[in-house]
């Protein structure tokens, strides 16, 4: 099935939507690790919201 967008584009749009819909802004910029870093850390995106860091795989 061809969807017309990349995995990175989906991840970016998902992150942007999550940040814009949140009542609190993240403490820092979202982290999108490269493939090697992702293999070691175990997440695709890290968003550091105050008191509630989120990790998505």
N, C-alpha and C. Protein backbone atom coordinates (compact mmCIF):
# COMPACT_ATOMS: atom_id res chain seq x y z
N UNK A 1 0.84 -1.17 0.00
CA UNK A 1 0.00 0.00 0.00
C UNK A 1 0.88 1.24 0.00
N UNK A 2 0.66 2.13 -0.93
CA UNK A 2 1.41 3.39 -1.00
C UNK A 2 0.60 4.48 -0.32
N UNK A 3 1.23 5.15 0.66
CA UNK A 3 0.51 6.17 1.41
C UNK A 3 0.86 7.59 0.99
N UNK A 4 1.99 7.80 0.34
CA UNK A 4 2.33 9.13 -0.15
C UNK A 4 3.13 9.99 0.80
N UNK A 5 3.57 9.44 1.92
CA UNK A 5 4.42 10.20 2.85
C UNK A 5 5.38 9.23 3.53
N UNK A 6 6.48 9.77 4.04
CA UNK A 6 7.50 8.93 4.67
C UNK A 6 7.20 8.73 6.15
N UNK A 7 7.90 7.77 6.74
CA UNK A 7 7.77 7.54 8.18
C UNK A 7 8.20 8.79 8.96
N UNK A 8 9.25 9.46 8.48
CA UNK A 8 9.70 10.68 9.16
C UNK A 8 8.64 11.77 9.08
N UNK A 9 8.02 11.94 7.90
CA UNK A 9 6.97 12.95 7.75
C UNK A 9 5.80 12.68 8.69
N UNK A 10 5.42 11.40 8.81
CA UNK A 10 4.34 11.05 9.73
C UNK A 10 4.75 11.37 11.16
N UNK A 11 5.97 11.00 11.56
CA UNK A 11 6.46 11.27 12.91
C UNK A 11 6.50 12.75 13.22
N UNK A 12 6.94 13.53 12.25
CA UNK A 12 7.00 14.98 12.45
C UNK A 12 5.60 15.56 12.61
N UNK A 13 4.67 15.16 11.74
CA UNK A 13 3.29 15.67 11.82
C UNK A 13 2.63 15.24 13.13
N UNK A 14 2.86 14.01 13.56
CA UNK A 14 2.33 13.51 14.83
C UNK A 14 2.87 14.34 15.99
N UNK A 15 4.18 14.59 15.98
CA UNK A 15 4.81 15.37 17.04
C UNK A 15 4.28 16.79 17.07
N UNK A 16 4.19 17.42 15.92
CA UNK A 16 3.68 18.79 15.83
C UNK A 16 2.25 18.88 16.35
N UNK A 17 1.43 17.92 15.98
CA UNK A 17 0.05 17.89 16.44
C UNK A 17 -0.04 17.71 17.95
N UNK A 18 0.76 16.80 18.49
CA UNK A 18 0.77 16.55 19.93
C UNK A 18 1.20 17.79 20.70
N UNK A 19 2.25 18.46 20.24
CA UNK A 19 2.75 19.66 20.92
C UNK A 19 1.72 20.79 20.86
N UNK A 20 1.13 21.00 19.68
CA UNK A 20 0.14 22.08 19.53
C UNK A 20 -1.13 21.85 20.34
N UNK A 21 -1.49 20.59 20.57
CA UNK A 21 -2.71 20.29 21.31
C UNK A 21 -2.48 20.20 22.82
N UNK A 22 -1.24 20.26 23.25
CA UNK A 22 -0.92 20.14 24.67
C UNK A 22 -1.17 21.46 25.40
N UNK A 23 -1.56 21.37 26.66
CA UNK A 23 -1.77 22.57 27.46
C UNK A 23 -0.45 23.17 27.97
N UNK A 24 0.61 22.39 27.98
CA UNK A 24 1.93 22.86 28.41
C UNK A 24 2.94 22.65 27.29
N UNK A 25 3.82 23.61 27.11
CA UNK A 25 4.85 23.50 26.07
C UNK A 25 5.97 22.58 26.55
N UNK A 26 6.63 21.87 25.63
CA UNK A 26 7.78 21.05 26.02
C UNK A 26 8.90 21.93 26.59
N UNK A 27 9.71 21.33 27.44
CA UNK A 27 10.83 22.03 28.05
C UNK A 27 11.94 22.28 27.03
N UNK A 28 12.06 21.39 26.07
CA UNK A 28 13.09 21.52 25.04
C UNK A 28 12.53 21.02 23.71
N UNK A 29 13.33 21.17 22.68
CA UNK A 29 12.92 20.71 21.35
C UNK A 29 12.79 19.19 21.34
N UNK A 30 11.87 18.65 20.55
CA UNK A 30 11.76 17.20 20.43
C UNK A 30 13.06 16.61 19.88
N UNK A 31 13.36 15.39 20.28
CA UNK A 31 14.57 14.70 19.82
C UNK A 31 14.16 13.60 18.86
N UNK A 32 14.69 13.65 17.64
CA UNK A 32 14.49 12.62 16.63
C UNK A 32 15.84 11.93 16.42
N UNK A 33 16.12 10.83 17.13
CA UNK A 33 17.43 10.19 17.00
C UNK A 33 17.62 9.58 15.60
N UNK A 34 18.89 9.47 15.19
CA UNK A 34 19.15 8.77 13.93
C UNK A 34 18.98 7.27 14.16
N UNK A 35 19.12 6.47 13.13
CA UNK A 35 18.86 5.03 13.25
C UNK A 35 19.78 4.34 14.26
N UNK A 36 21.04 4.72 14.30
CA UNK A 36 21.97 4.11 15.26
C UNK A 36 21.58 4.50 16.68
N UNK A 37 21.32 5.78 16.91
CA UNK A 37 20.90 6.24 18.25
C UNK A 37 19.58 5.58 18.65
N UNK A 38 18.68 5.45 17.71
CA UNK A 38 17.39 4.83 17.98
C UNK A 38 17.56 3.38 18.43
N UNK A 39 18.48 2.67 17.80
CA UNK A 39 18.75 1.29 18.18
C UNK A 39 19.27 1.17 19.60
N UNK A 40 20.06 2.15 20.04
CA UNK A 40 20.61 2.12 21.39
C UNK A 40 19.62 2.65 22.43
N UNK A 41 18.86 3.67 22.08
CA UNK A 41 17.97 4.31 23.05
C UNK A 41 16.58 3.67 23.10
N UNK A 42 16.12 3.11 21.97
CA UNK A 42 14.84 2.42 21.94
C UNK A 42 13.63 3.29 21.68
N UNK A 43 13.81 4.53 21.22
CA UNK A 43 12.66 5.37 20.90
C UNK A 43 12.87 6.10 19.59
N UNK A 44 11.75 6.49 18.96
CA UNK A 44 11.78 7.24 17.70
C UNK A 44 11.73 8.75 17.95
N UNK A 45 10.98 9.15 18.97
CA UNK A 45 10.80 10.57 19.29
C UNK A 45 10.79 10.72 20.80
N UNK A 46 11.49 11.73 21.30
CA UNK A 46 11.41 12.06 22.73
C UNK A 46 10.91 13.49 22.85
N UNK A 47 9.83 13.67 23.61
CA UNK A 47 9.26 14.99 23.85
C UNK A 47 9.29 15.21 25.36
N UNK A 48 9.97 16.24 25.79
CA UNK A 48 10.16 16.49 27.21
C UNK A 48 9.15 17.53 27.71
N UNK A 49 7.93 17.06 27.98
CA UNK A 49 6.92 17.93 28.59
C UNK A 49 7.25 18.08 30.07
N UNK A 50 6.91 19.22 30.69
CA UNK A 50 7.20 19.41 32.11
C UNK A 50 6.56 18.29 32.96
N UNK A 51 7.39 17.54 33.66
CA UNK A 51 6.92 16.49 34.56
C UNK A 51 6.48 15.21 33.89
N UNK A 52 6.33 15.20 32.56
CA UNK A 52 5.86 14.01 31.87
C UNK A 52 6.62 13.81 30.56
N UNK A 53 7.83 13.26 30.61
CA UNK A 53 8.51 13.00 29.35
C UNK A 53 7.80 11.87 28.59
N UNK A 54 7.66 12.02 27.29
CA UNK A 54 7.02 11.01 26.46
C UNK A 54 8.02 10.40 25.50
N UNK A 55 7.97 9.10 25.36
CA UNK A 55 8.83 8.37 24.43
C UNK A 55 7.93 7.55 23.51
N UNK A 56 8.12 7.69 22.19
CA UNK A 56 7.30 6.97 21.24
C UNK A 56 8.15 6.04 20.40
N UNK A 57 7.64 4.85 20.18
CA UNK A 57 8.31 3.88 19.32
C UNK A 57 7.35 3.50 18.22
